[in-house]
Amino acid sequence: MPILNGYDTTAKIRQMENPKKASTPIVAMTANVFSEDRNKAAEYGMNTFLTKPVSTKRLVETLTELLS
């Protein structure tokens, strides 16, 4: 991303004054599969973590869970 990476963007969203905006579901999608990456995503406030390549079935399941 040109200005902010996904972690910094997530941190800014989580700090928003509007609670509805601050609680927007955020899914990390990365090729990094290390536990450190998964932990960092959680530390920054991402709701869940998917590794690439992402299956359509897993993506739909994840979004359904987060948006229900």
Protein backbone atom coordinates (compact mmCIF):
# COMPACT_ATOMS: atom_id res chain seq x y z
CA MET A 1 0.00 0.00 0.00
CA PRO A 2 1.41 3.38 -0.90
CA ILE A 3 1.03 5.19 2.44
CA LEU A 4 -0.06 2.76 5.16
CA ASN A 5 0.35 -0.97 5.40
CA GLY A 6 -2.49 -3.22 6.56
CA TYR A 7 -1.37 -3.16 10.18
CA ASP A 8 -1.23 0.63 10.38
CA THR A 9 -4.53 0.96 8.54
CA THR A 10 -6.16 -1.45 10.98
CA ALA A 11 -4.77 0.49 13.95
CA LYS A 12 -6.21 3.74 12.56
CA ILE A 13 -9.62 2.15 11.98
CA ARG A 14 -9.68 0.71 15.51
CA GLN A 15 -8.91 4.19 16.93
CA MET A 16 -11.85 5.89 15.18
CA GLU A 17 -14.27 7.76 17.43
CA ASN A 18 -17.35 6.27 15.78
CA PRO A 19 -17.80 2.82 17.42
CA LYS A 20 -19.52 1.36 14.36
CA LYS A 21 -16.65 2.35 12.09
CA ALA A 22 -14.04 1.28 14.66
CA SER A 23 -15.54 -2.20 14.80
CA THR A 24 -15.49 -2.80 11.03
CA PRO A 25 -14.52 -6.44 10.42
CA ILE A 26 -10.98 -6.74 9.08
CA VAL A 27 -9.53 -9.90 7.56
CA ALA A 28 -5.79 -10.23 7.00
CA MET A 29 -5.01 -11.87 3.66
CA THR A 30 -1.36 -12.70 3.22
CA ALA A 31 1.06 -15.28 1.89
CA ASN A 32 2.87 -15.19 5.24
CA VAL A 33 1.96 -18.29 7.21
CA PHE A 34 4.10 -17.86 10.31
CA SER A 35 2.53 -17.67 13.76
CA GLU A 36 4.29 -14.32 14.29
CA ASP A 37 2.30 -12.86 11.39
CA ARG A 38 -0.96 -14.26 12.73
CA ASN A 39 -0.16 -12.85 16.20
CA LYS A 40 0.77 -9.45 14.79
CA ALA A 41 -2.53 -9.28 12.90
CA ALA A 42 -4.40 -10.00 16.14
CA GLU A 43 -2.33 -7.45 18.08
CA TYR A 44 -3.30 -4.74 15.62
CA GLY A 45 -6.98 -5.66 15.90
CA MET A 46 -7.65 -7.72 12.79
CA ASN A 47 -10.55 -10.09 13.30
CA THR A 48 -9.08 -13.06 11.51
CA PHE A 49 -6.29 -14.21 9.24
CA LEU A 50 -6.44 -16.01 5.90
CA THR A 51 -3.43 -17.25 3.99
CA LYS A 52 -3.06 -17.11 0.23
CA PRO A 53 -4.07 -18.73 -1.92
CA VAL A 54 -7.49 -18.29 -0.34
CA SER A 55 -10.19 -20.74 -1.30
CA THR A 56 -13.51 -19.20 -2.21
CA LYS A 57 -15.25 -21.54 0.23
CA ARG A 58 -13.04 -20.44 3.15
CA LEU A 59 -13.45 -16.76 2.26
CA VAL A 60 -17.24 -17.04 2.11
CA GLU A 61 -17.31 -18.95 5.41
CA THR A 62 -15.13 -16.32 7.09
CA LEU A 63 -17.15 -13.36 5.81
CA THR A 64 -20.44 -15.06 6.70
CA GLU A 65 -19.19 -15.64 10.23
CA LEU A 66 -17.95 -12.06 10.65
CA LEU A 67 -21.03 -10.40 9.16
CA SER A 68 -23.73 -12.47 10.86
